[in-house]
Each structure stands twice: as C-alpha cells, then as structure tokens.
C-alpha cells in the first residue's frame, strides 16, 4: 500500500476514534428538555378584578374601521393585457421617408444645372427629370432647393441646398 494512502487512513481512523470517545463521555440530556417559566400568582383584591371578556369579541384597539361597500367593478391586477385594439375609422396618412441623400455640390454646364447627391457611398450626378435609384425622381432644380418626387407615394419632397450667392 502506498505510504500516503496509509497515512490518510490512519488520520481518518484517529479522528473517528476521538469523535466516538467524546460522544461516549458527554453527559446525557433528557429528551424533553425545555424552558418553563412560572409566575407566582399575585393576590388581587376582589374590587380590582376585571370581568372576563368573551372569546369571540376582539379588543377595541383591534376592531376594523367601518368600510364602505365596493361599488366599482373589480379588476384583476395580474391579468394578461388584452390584445383587443381599437381600429380607427381612417388609416393614418402615409408619409414619405426622410431623404437619404446628402448635398455635395452643383455644377452649371451649357446653361443646364447638374447637382451631386450622395446616398451612403453612392454618388449621383443628376439633371432635371432623372431618376435616383427606383424611388426618387428630380422634378425641379433651383438655386436654393431641389424638388424630388417619392415615386411609390407620389409625394414631393424638398431638399434645401443653401442660399443664392449673387
């Protein structure tokens, strides 16, 4: 047998022997040991004796105040929310999303204005009447604004490009 295993078993057996010895020498305690308090009965004169109160009547300080009956409907505080939604008679007016373009610059060539707009990493050089992707078409180019038509809803949106410098 390995010496470390033998050493471990000897230590465990020694601890078991000590525990059993301590249990054997400990004094026995009675099973029903409990604390009992006794009060000596005081002698009371008969004039100071309070008549006993009936067992079913609570003392005055523990009586509940008068309450009004519940008149409103009782609701369950922990009920799941109802999924009933009220539908409006008219649907909300549809609006075009905000313009996804950023104004980069403007160039006038042969009397025709060409505006440069950027959408993400895509750069558009547009003229009057051209389409931007599939959703927008240029309807007007002025010195201070560009009018774009949002094609799915036929809504005109205006992009301000600054003021006119004369």
N, C-alpha and C. Protein backbone atom coordinates (compact mmCIF):
# COMPACT_ATOMS: atom_id res chain seq x y z
N UNK A 1 0.85 -1.17 0.00
CA UNK A 1 0.00 0.00 0.00
C UNK A 1 0.90 1.24 0.00
N UNK A 2 0.48 2.24 -0.69
CA UNK A 2 1.21 3.50 -0.80
C UNK A 2 1.26 4.18 0.58
N UNK A 3 2.41 4.74 1.00
CA UNK A 3 2.52 5.35 2.33
C UNK A 3 1.57 6.54 2.52
N UNK A 4 1.31 7.30 1.47
CA UNK A 4 0.40 8.46 1.63
C UNK A 4 -1.04 8.00 1.86
N UNK A 5 -1.44 6.89 1.22
CA UNK A 5 -2.79 6.36 1.43
C UNK A 5 -2.91 5.80 2.84
N UNK A 6 -1.87 5.10 3.31
CA UNK A 6 -1.86 4.56 4.66
C UNK A 6 -1.94 5.68 5.70
N UNK A 7 -1.20 6.76 5.46
CA UNK A 7 -1.20 7.91 6.37
C UNK A 7 -2.60 8.53 6.44
N UNK A 8 -3.26 8.67 5.29
CA UNK A 8 -4.60 9.26 5.23
C UNK A 8 -5.58 8.41 6.04
N UNK A 9 -5.51 7.07 5.89
CA UNK A 9 -6.43 6.18 6.61
C UNK A 9 -6.18 6.25 8.12
N UNK A 10 -4.94 6.34 8.53
CA UNK A 10 -4.63 6.44 9.96
C UNK A 10 -5.18 7.73 10.56
N UNK A 11 -5.06 8.84 9.83
CA UNK A 11 -5.60 10.13 10.32
C UNK A 11 -7.12 10.05 10.43
N UNK A 12 -7.79 9.50 9.42
CA UNK A 12 -9.25 9.40 9.45
C UNK A 12 -9.72 8.49 10.58
N UNK A 13 -9.05 7.36 10.78
CA UNK A 13 -9.44 6.45 11.88
C UNK A 13 -9.20 7.10 13.23
N UNK A 14 -8.11 7.87 13.37
CA UNK A 14 -7.84 8.58 14.62
C UNK A 14 -8.92 9.61 14.93
N UNK A 15 -9.34 10.37 13.92
CA UNK A 15 -10.41 11.36 14.11
C UNK A 15 -11.73 10.69 14.47
N UNK A 16 -12.01 9.55 13.87
CA UNK A 16 -13.23 8.81 14.20
C UNK A 16 -13.19 8.33 15.64
N UNK A 17 -12.03 7.84 16.09
CA UNK A 17 -11.90 7.36 17.48
C UNK A 17 -12.08 8.50 18.47
N UNK A 18 -11.53 9.67 18.18
CA UNK A 18 -11.69 10.84 19.07
C UNK A 18 -13.15 11.25 19.14
N UNK A 19 -13.84 11.27 18.00
CA UNK A 19 -15.25 11.65 17.97
C UNK A 19 -16.09 10.69 18.79
N UNK A 20 -15.86 9.39 18.62
CA UNK A 20 -16.63 8.40 19.38
C UNK A 20 -16.35 8.52 20.88
N UNK A 21 -15.12 8.80 21.27
CA UNK A 21 -14.78 8.96 22.69
C UNK A 21 -15.50 10.17 23.28
N UNK A 22 -15.52 11.29 22.55
CA UNK A 22 -16.19 12.50 23.05
C UNK A 22 -17.70 12.29 23.19
N UNK A 23 -18.29 11.55 22.29
CA UNK A 23 -19.73 11.26 22.39
C UNK A 23 -19.98 10.36 23.59
N UNK A 24 -19.10 9.41 23.86
CA UNK A 24 -19.29 8.46 24.96
C UNK A 24 -19.18 9.14 26.32
N UNK A 25 -18.29 10.14 26.46
CA UNK A 25 -18.11 10.78 27.77
C UNK A 25 -19.04 11.96 27.99
N UNK A 26 -19.75 12.40 26.96
CA UNK A 26 -20.64 13.56 27.14
C UNK A 26 -21.82 13.18 28.03
N UNK A 27 -22.29 14.12 28.86
CA UNK A 27 -23.43 13.81 29.74
C UNK A 27 -24.71 13.65 28.93
N UNK A 28 -25.58 12.81 29.43
CA UNK A 28 -26.85 12.60 28.75
C UNK A 28 -27.80 13.74 29.07
N UNK A 29 -28.55 14.15 28.07
CA UNK A 29 -29.56 15.20 28.26
C UNK A 29 -30.92 14.55 28.12
N UNK A 30 -31.86 14.98 28.92
CA UNK A 30 -33.21 14.42 28.76
C UNK A 30 -33.80 14.88 27.42
N UNK A 31 -34.64 14.05 26.85
CA UNK A 31 -35.24 14.35 25.55
C UNK A 31 -36.21 15.51 25.59
N UNK A 32 -36.93 15.68 26.68
CA UNK A 32 -37.95 16.72 26.77
C UNK A 32 -37.43 17.93 27.53
N UNK A 33 -36.24 18.32 27.27
CA UNK A 33 -35.73 19.49 27.98
C UNK A 33 -36.26 20.74 27.31
N UNK A 34 -36.89 21.58 28.05
CA UNK A 34 -37.45 22.83 27.56
C UNK A 34 -37.45 23.84 28.68
N UNK A 35 -37.58 25.06 28.35
CA UNK A 35 -37.59 26.11 29.35
C UNK A 35 -39.03 26.35 29.77
N UNK A 36 -39.25 26.31 31.05
CA UNK A 36 -40.59 26.54 31.58
C UNK A 36 -40.50 27.71 32.54
N UNK A 37 -41.29 28.73 32.27
CA UNK A 37 -41.33 29.89 33.16
C UNK A 37 -42.57 29.81 34.02
N UNK A 38 -42.38 29.99 35.26
CA UNK A 38 -43.53 30.00 36.16
C UNK A 38 -43.62 31.36 36.81
N UNK A 39 -44.82 31.87 36.85
CA UNK A 39 -45.06 33.16 37.51
C UNK A 39 -45.83 32.90 38.80
N UNK A 40 -45.35 33.48 39.85
CA UNK A 40 -46.14 33.33 41.08
C UNK A 40 -47.44 34.10 40.94
N UNK A 41 -48.50 33.51 41.40
CA UNK A 41 -49.81 34.12 41.29
C UNK A 41 -49.92 35.24 42.32
N UNK A 42 -50.23 36.42 41.79
CA UNK A 42 -50.37 37.57 42.69
C UNK A 42 -51.76 37.56 43.29
N UNK A 43 -51.84 38.02 44.48
CA UNK A 43 -53.15 38.10 45.12
C UNK A 43 -53.78 39.42 44.75
N UNK A 44 -55.00 39.37 44.28
CA UNK A 44 -55.71 40.56 43.82
C UNK A 44 -56.96 40.71 44.65
N UNK A 45 -57.22 41.96 44.99
CA UNK A 45 -58.45 42.21 45.74
C UNK A 45 -59.63 42.04 44.80
N UNK A 46 -60.74 41.68 45.32
CA UNK A 46 -61.91 41.41 44.51
C UNK A 46 -62.48 42.67 43.87
N UNK A 47 -62.19 43.86 44.39
CA UNK A 47 -62.72 45.09 43.81
C UNK A 47 -61.98 45.47 42.52
N UNK A 48 -60.77 44.95 42.34
CA UNK A 48 -59.99 45.30 41.15
C UNK A 48 -60.05 44.23 40.07
N UNK A 49 -60.89 43.27 40.22
CA UNK A 49 -60.97 42.19 39.24
C UNK A 49 -61.78 42.67 38.05
N UNK A 50 -61.22 42.46 36.87
CA UNK A 50 -61.90 42.82 35.62
C UNK A 50 -62.67 41.60 35.15
N UNK A 51 -63.93 41.80 34.77
CA UNK A 51 -64.69 40.65 34.30
C UNK A 51 -64.07 40.11 33.01
N UNK A 52 -64.12 38.80 32.83
CA UNK A 52 -63.53 38.22 31.62
C UNK A 52 -64.32 38.63 30.37
N UNK A 53 -63.59 38.81 29.27
CA UNK A 53 -64.18 39.21 28.00
C UNK A 53 -64.50 37.95 27.22
N UNK A 54 -65.60 37.99 26.50
CA UNK A 54 -65.96 36.83 25.69
C UNK A 54 -64.87 36.57 24.66
N UNK A 55 -64.63 35.32 24.34
CA UNK A 55 -63.53 34.94 23.47
C UNK A 55 -63.73 35.39 22.03
N UNK A 56 -64.97 35.58 21.60
CA UNK A 56 -65.19 35.92 20.19
C UNK A 56 -65.27 37.42 19.94
N UNK A 57 -65.17 38.26 20.93
CA UNK A 57 -65.19 39.71 20.71
C UNK A 57 -63.77 40.24 20.81
N UNK A 58 -63.27 40.90 19.74
CA UNK A 58 -61.91 41.41 19.76
C UNK A 58 -61.82 42.67 20.63
N UNK A 59 -60.65 42.98 21.15
CA UNK A 59 -60.49 44.20 21.92
C UNK A 59 -60.75 45.42 21.04
N UNK A 60 -61.05 46.55 21.66
CA UNK A 60 -61.42 47.75 20.92
C UNK A 60 -60.30 48.25 20.02
N UNK A 61 -59.07 48.11 20.43
CA UNK A 61 -57.99 48.64 19.60
C UNK A 61 -57.73 47.80 18.35
N UNK A 62 -58.28 46.58 18.30
CA UNK A 62 -58.09 45.74 17.13
C UNK A 62 -59.31 45.71 16.22
N UNK A 63 -60.34 46.47 16.53
CA UNK A 63 -61.53 46.48 15.68
C UNK A 63 -61.22 47.22 14.39
N UNK A 64 -61.79 46.74 13.28
CA UNK A 64 -61.62 47.38 11.99
C UNK A 64 -62.55 48.57 11.88
N UNK A 65 -62.08 49.59 11.19
CA UNK A 65 -62.91 50.76 10.96
C UNK A 65 -64.03 50.39 9.99
N UNK A 66 -65.10 51.14 10.03
CA UNK A 66 -66.23 50.89 9.15
C UNK A 66 -65.81 51.18 7.71
N UNK A 67 -66.11 50.27 6.81
CA UNK A 67 -65.73 50.43 5.41
C UNK A 67 -66.98 50.53 4.55
N UNK A 68 -66.85 51.33 3.50
CA UNK A 68 -67.95 51.43 2.55
C UNK A 68 -67.89 50.24 1.60
N UNK A 69 -69.04 49.78 1.13
CA UNK A 69 -69.02 48.65 0.19
C UNK A 69 -68.40 49.06 -1.14
N UNK A 70 -67.83 48.09 -1.83
CA UNK A 70 -67.19 48.35 -3.12
C UNK A 70 -68.28 48.53 -4.17
N UNK A 71 -68.25 49.69 -4.85
CA UNK A 71 -69.27 49.97 -5.86
C UNK A 71 -68.72 49.86 -7.27
N UNK A 72 -67.42 49.98 -7.44
CA UNK A 72 -66.86 49.91 -8.79
C UNK A 72 -66.52 48.47 -9.14
N UNK A 73 -66.34 48.23 -10.42
CA UNK A 73 -66.05 46.87 -10.89
C UNK A 73 -64.66 46.45 -10.43
N UNK A 74 -64.55 45.21 -10.03
CA UNK A 74 -63.27 44.69 -9.57
C UNK A 74 -62.49 44.21 -10.78
N UNK A 75 -61.24 44.65 -10.88
CA UNK A 75 -60.39 44.24 -12.00
C UNK A 75 -59.25 43.39 -11.46
N UNK A 76 -58.82 42.47 -12.29
CA UNK A 76 -57.71 41.60 -11.93
C UNK A 76 -56.40 42.34 -12.22
N UNK A 77 -55.63 42.61 -11.17
CA UNK A 77 -54.39 43.36 -11.34
C UNK A 77 -53.32 42.57 -12.08
N UNK A 78 -53.39 41.26 -12.04
CA UNK A 78 -52.35 40.44 -12.62
C UNK A 78 -52.81 39.74 -13.91
N UNK A 79 -53.88 40.22 -14.50
CA UNK A 79 -54.37 39.61 -15.73
C UNK A 79 -53.46 40.00 -16.90
N UNK A 80 -53.39 39.14 -17.89
CA UNK A 80 -52.61 39.44 -19.08
C UNK A 80 -53.30 40.55 -19.84
N UNK A 81 -52.54 41.46 -20.44
CA UNK A 81 -53.17 42.55 -21.17
C UNK A 81 -53.96 42.01 -22.36
N UNK A 82 -55.10 42.61 -22.57
CA UNK A 82 -55.95 42.14 -23.67
C UNK A 82 -55.37 42.62 -24.99
N UNK A 83 -55.54 41.81 -26.01
CA UNK A 83 -54.98 42.14 -27.31
C UNK A 83 -56.00 42.82 -28.21
N UNK A 84 -57.09 43.28 -27.64
CA UNK A 84 -58.11 43.96 -28.42
C UNK A 84 -57.64 45.38 -28.69
N UNK A 85 -57.56 45.75 -29.95
CA UNK A 85 -57.16 47.10 -30.31
C UNK A 85 -58.31 47.77 -31.03
N UNK A 86 -58.43 49.04 -30.79
CA UNK A 86 -59.49 49.78 -31.46
C UNK A 86 -58.95 50.28 -32.80
N UNK A 87 -59.63 49.91 -33.85
CA UNK A 87 -59.21 50.34 -35.18
C UNK A 87 -59.86 51.69 -35.48
N UNK A 88 -59.05 52.61 -35.97
CA UNK A 88 -59.60 53.92 -36.30
C UNK A 88 -60.36 53.82 -37.61
N UNK A 89 -61.29 54.73 -37.79
CA UNK A 89 -62.12 54.68 -38.99
C UNK A 89 -61.31 55.03 -40.23
N UNK A 90 -60.30 55.93 -40.09
CA UNK A 90 -59.47 56.29 -41.24
C UNK A 90 -58.03 55.88 -40.96
N UNK A 91 -57.38 55.28 -41.93
CA UNK A 91 -55.98 54.95 -41.71
C UNK A 91 -55.14 56.23 -41.67
N UNK A 92 -54.02 56.17 -41.00
CA UNK A 92 -53.15 57.33 -40.90
C UNK A 92 -52.60 57.67 -42.28
N UNK A 93 -52.43 58.97 -42.52
CA UNK A 93 -51.92 59.41 -43.82
C UNK A 93 -50.49 58.93 -43.98
N UNK A 94 -50.19 58.37 -45.13
CA UNK A 94 -48.85 57.86 -45.38
C UNK A 94 -47.92 59.02 -45.70
N UNK A 95 -46.71 58.93 -45.19
CA UNK A 95 -45.72 59.96 -45.47
C UNK A 95 -44.48 59.30 -46.05
N UNK A 96 -43.76 60.09 -46.80
CA UNK A 96 -42.52 59.59 -47.40
C UNK A 96 -41.43 59.56 -46.34
N UNK A 97 -40.50 58.64 -46.46
CA UNK A 97 -39.39 58.61 -45.50
C UNK A 97 -38.49 59.83 -45.69
N UNK A 98 -37.67 60.15 -44.71
CA UNK A 98 -36.76 61.29 -44.87
C UNK A 98 -35.80 61.03 -46.03
N UNK A 99 -35.36 62.10 -46.65
CA UNK A 99 -34.48 61.95 -47.81
C UNK A 99 -33.15 61.32 -47.39
N UNK A 100 -32.73 60.27 -48.11
CA UNK A 100 -31.49 59.59 -47.74
C UNK A 100 -30.25 60.23 -48.38
N UNK A 101 -30.41 61.38 -49.01
CA UNK A 101 -29.32 61.98 -49.77
C UNK A 101 -28.67 63.12 -49.01
N UNK A 102 -27.39 63.31 -49.28
CA UNK A 102 -26.65 64.46 -48.76
C UNK A 102 -26.20 65.28 -49.97
N UNK A 103 -26.36 66.61 -49.87
CA UNK A 103 -25.97 67.51 -50.96
C UNK A 103 -24.46 67.65 -50.98
N UNK A 104 -23.85 67.42 -52.15
CA UNK A 104 -22.40 67.51 -52.29
C UNK A 104 -22.02 68.78 -53.04
N UNK A 105 -22.68 69.06 -54.11
CA UNK A 105 -22.33 70.25 -54.89
C UNK A 105 -23.22 70.40 -56.11
N UNK A 106 -22.94 71.53 -56.85
CA UNK A 106 -23.75 71.84 -58.02
C UNK A 106 -22.82 72.37 -59.11
N UNK A 107 -23.13 72.00 -60.35
CA UNK A 107 -22.32 72.45 -61.48
C UNK A 107 -23.28 72.87 -62.60
N UNK A 108 -23.00 74.04 -63.20
CA UNK A 108 -23.81 74.51 -64.32
C UNK A 108 -22.97 74.35 -65.57
N UNK A 109 -23.48 73.58 -66.53
CA UNK A 109 -22.76 73.30 -67.76
C UNK A 109 -23.70 73.54 -68.93
N UNK A 110 -23.33 74.45 -69.83
CA UNK A 110 -24.14 74.81 -71.00
C UNK A 110 -25.53 75.26 -70.59
N UNK A 111 -25.64 76.00 -69.50
CA UNK A 111 -26.92 76.51 -69.04
C UNK A 111 -27.79 75.47 -68.34
N UNK A 112 -27.29 74.27 -68.19
CA UNK A 112 -28.06 73.22 -67.53
C UNK A 112 -27.37 72.87 -66.20
N UNK A 113 -28.17 72.86 -65.11
CA UNK A 113 -27.62 72.58 -63.78
C UNK A 113 -27.50 71.08 -63.57
N UNK A 114 -26.40 70.72 -62.96
CA UNK A 114 -26.19 69.32 -62.58
C UNK A 114 -25.85 69.33 -61.09
N UNK A 115 -26.60 68.54 -60.32
CA UNK A 115 -26.44 68.50 -58.87
C UNK A 115 -25.85 67.16 -58.48
N UNK A 116 -24.95 67.20 -57.48
CA UNK A 116 -24.31 65.98 -57.00
C UNK A 116 -24.87 65.66 -55.61
N UNK A 117 -25.48 64.48 -55.51
CA UNK A 117 -26.04 64.00 -54.25
C UNK A 117 -25.38 62.68 -53.89
N UNK A 118 -25.23 62.44 -52.59
CA UNK A 118 -24.62 61.20 -52.14
C UNK A 118 -25.59 60.45 -51.25
N UNK A 119 -25.72 59.14 -51.53
CA UNK A 119 -26.53 58.24 -50.70
C UNK A 119 -25.61 57.13 -50.23
N UNK A 120 -25.23 57.18 -48.95
CA UNK A 120 -24.26 56.21 -48.43
C UNK A 120 -22.93 56.43 -49.11
N UNK A 121 -22.45 55.44 -49.87
CA UNK A 121 -21.20 55.58 -50.62
C UNK A 121 -21.43 55.79 -52.11
N UNK A 122 -22.68 55.90 -52.51
CA UNK A 122 -23.02 56.09 -53.92
C UNK A 122 -23.17 57.57 -54.22
N UNK A 123 -22.51 58.04 -55.26
CA UNK A 123 -22.57 59.44 -55.66
C UNK A 123 -23.38 59.55 -56.95
N UNK A 124 -24.37 60.44 -56.94
CA UNK A 124 -25.23 60.65 -58.11
C UNK A 124 -24.95 62.04 -58.67
N UNK A 125 -24.76 62.12 -59.98
CA UNK A 125 -24.73 63.40 -60.70
C UNK A 125 -26.02 63.48 -61.49
N UNK A 126 -26.97 64.31 -61.04
CA UNK A 126 -28.33 64.27 -61.61
C UNK A 126 -28.68 65.57 -62.31
N UNK A 127 -29.59 65.43 -63.28
CA UNK A 127 -30.15 66.57 -64.01
C UNK A 127 -31.66 66.52 -63.83
N UNK A 128 -32.33 67.54 -64.31
CA UNK A 128 -33.78 67.63 -64.21
C UNK A 128 -34.43 66.45 -64.94
N UNK A 129 -35.36 65.75 -64.25
CA UNK A 129 -36.11 64.65 -64.84
C UNK A 129 -35.48 63.27 -64.63
N UNK A 130 -34.26 63.20 -64.12
CA UNK A 130 -33.61 61.90 -63.92
C UNK A 130 -34.12 61.21 -62.67
N UNK A 131 -33.96 59.88 -62.67
CA UNK A 131 -34.36 59.08 -61.51
C UNK A 131 -33.13 58.77 -60.65
N UNK A 132 -33.37 58.75 -59.35
CA UNK A 132 -32.35 58.35 -58.38
C UNK A 132 -32.76 56.99 -57.85
N UNK A 133 -32.09 55.96 -58.29
CA UNK A 133 -32.48 54.61 -57.88
C UNK A 133 -33.85 54.28 -58.43
N UNK A 134 -34.68 53.64 -57.62
CA UNK A 134 -36.03 53.27 -58.07
C UNK A 134 -37.11 54.08 -57.37
N UNK A 135 -36.74 54.88 -56.36
CA UNK A 135 -37.77 55.54 -55.56
C UNK A 135 -37.89 57.04 -55.77
N UNK A 136 -36.91 57.71 -56.33
CA UNK A 136 -36.94 59.17 -56.42
C UNK A 136 -36.72 59.63 -57.85
N UNK A 137 -37.35 60.78 -58.18
CA UNK A 137 -37.17 61.42 -59.48
C UNK A 137 -37.04 62.92 -59.24
N UNK A 138 -36.11 63.56 -59.95
CA UNK A 138 -35.88 65.00 -59.80
C UNK A 138 -36.94 65.74 -60.60
N UNK A 139 -37.70 66.63 -59.94
CA UNK A 139 -38.74 67.39 -60.64
C UNK A 139 -38.36 68.85 -60.84
N UNK A 140 -37.46 69.37 -59.99
CA UNK A 140 -37.09 70.78 -60.11
C UNK A 140 -35.74 71.00 -59.46
N UNK A 141 -34.89 71.84 -60.12
CA UNK A 141 -33.61 72.24 -59.53
C UNK A 141 -33.56 73.75 -59.57
N UNK A 142 -33.51 74.39 -58.42
CA UNK A 142 -33.39 75.84 -58.31
C UNK A 142 -32.04 76.17 -57.68
N UNK A 143 -31.80 77.47 -57.48
CA UNK A 143 -30.54 77.87 -56.86
C UNK A 143 -30.47 77.50 -55.39
N UNK A 144 -31.60 77.40 -54.72
CA UNK A 144 -31.59 77.15 -53.27
C UNK A 144 -32.30 75.86 -52.85
N UNK A 145 -32.90 75.13 -53.79
CA UNK A 145 -33.58 73.89 -53.41
C UNK A 145 -33.72 72.93 -54.58
N UNK A 146 -33.89 71.65 -54.21
CA UNK A 146 -34.14 70.60 -55.20
C UNK A 146 -35.44 69.94 -54.80
N UNK A 147 -36.34 69.74 -55.77
CA UNK A 147 -37.60 69.04 -55.50
C UNK A 147 -37.48 67.63 -56.05
N UNK A 148 -37.73 66.67 -55.15
CA UNK A 148 -37.67 65.25 -55.52
C UNK A 148 -39.04 64.63 -55.31
N UNK A 149 -39.46 63.81 -56.26
CA UNK A 149 -40.75 63.11 -56.17
C UNK A 149 -40.48 61.70 -55.65
N UNK A 150 -41.13 61.35 -54.53
CA UNK A 150 -41.05 59.99 -53.99
C UNK A 150 -42.07 59.17 -54.77
N UNK A 151 -41.59 58.31 -55.65
CA UNK A 151 -42.45 57.62 -56.62
C UNK A 151 -43.48 56.67 -56.03
N UNK A 152 -43.18 55.86 -54.99
CA UNK A 152 -44.21 54.93 -54.50
C UNK A 152 -45.46 55.63 -53.98
N UNK A 153 -45.33 56.83 -53.38
CA UNK A 153 -46.50 57.52 -52.83
C UNK A 153 -46.86 58.79 -53.59
N UNK A 154 -46.07 59.13 -54.60
CA UNK A 154 -46.29 60.35 -55.39
C UNK A 154 -46.29 61.59 -54.49
N UNK A 155 -45.31 61.68 -53.59
CA UNK A 155 -45.19 62.81 -52.67
C UNK A 155 -43.92 63.57 -53.03
N UNK A 156 -44.05 64.90 -53.14
CA UNK A 156 -42.90 65.74 -53.46
C UNK A 156 -42.19 66.13 -52.17
N UNK A 157 -40.87 65.99 -52.18
CA UNK A 157 -40.04 66.37 -51.05
C UNK A 157 -39.04 67.42 -51.51
N UNK A 158 -38.74 68.35 -50.62
CA UNK A 158 -37.84 69.46 -50.98
C UNK A 158 -36.56 69.34 -50.17
N UNK A 159 -35.43 69.44 -50.88
CA UNK A 159 -34.11 69.44 -50.22
C UNK A 159 -33.50 70.81 -50.39
N UNK A 160 -33.18 71.46 -49.28
CA UNK A 160 -32.58 72.78 -49.32
C UNK A 160 -31.09 72.64 -49.57
N UNK A 161 -30.57 73.47 -50.50
CA UNK A 161 -29.15 73.38 -50.84
C UNK A 161 -28.42 74.68 -50.56
N UNK A 162 -28.97 75.55 -49.76
CA UNK A 162 -28.30 76.80 -49.42
C UNK A 162 -28.96 77.98 -50.10
N UNK A 163 -28.38 79.16 -49.89
CA UNK A 163 -28.94 80.39 -50.46
C UNK A 163 -28.16 80.79 -51.70
N UNK A 164 -28.79 81.62 -52.48
CA UNK A 164 -28.20 82.06 -53.74
C UNK A 164 -27.15 83.12 -53.44
N UNK A 165 -25.97 82.97 -54.04
CA UNK A 165 -24.91 83.95 -53.89
C UNK A 165 -24.85 84.79 -55.15
N UNK A 166 -25.08 86.11 -55.03
CA UNK A 166 -25.03 87.00 -56.21
C UNK A 166 -23.85 87.93 -56.12
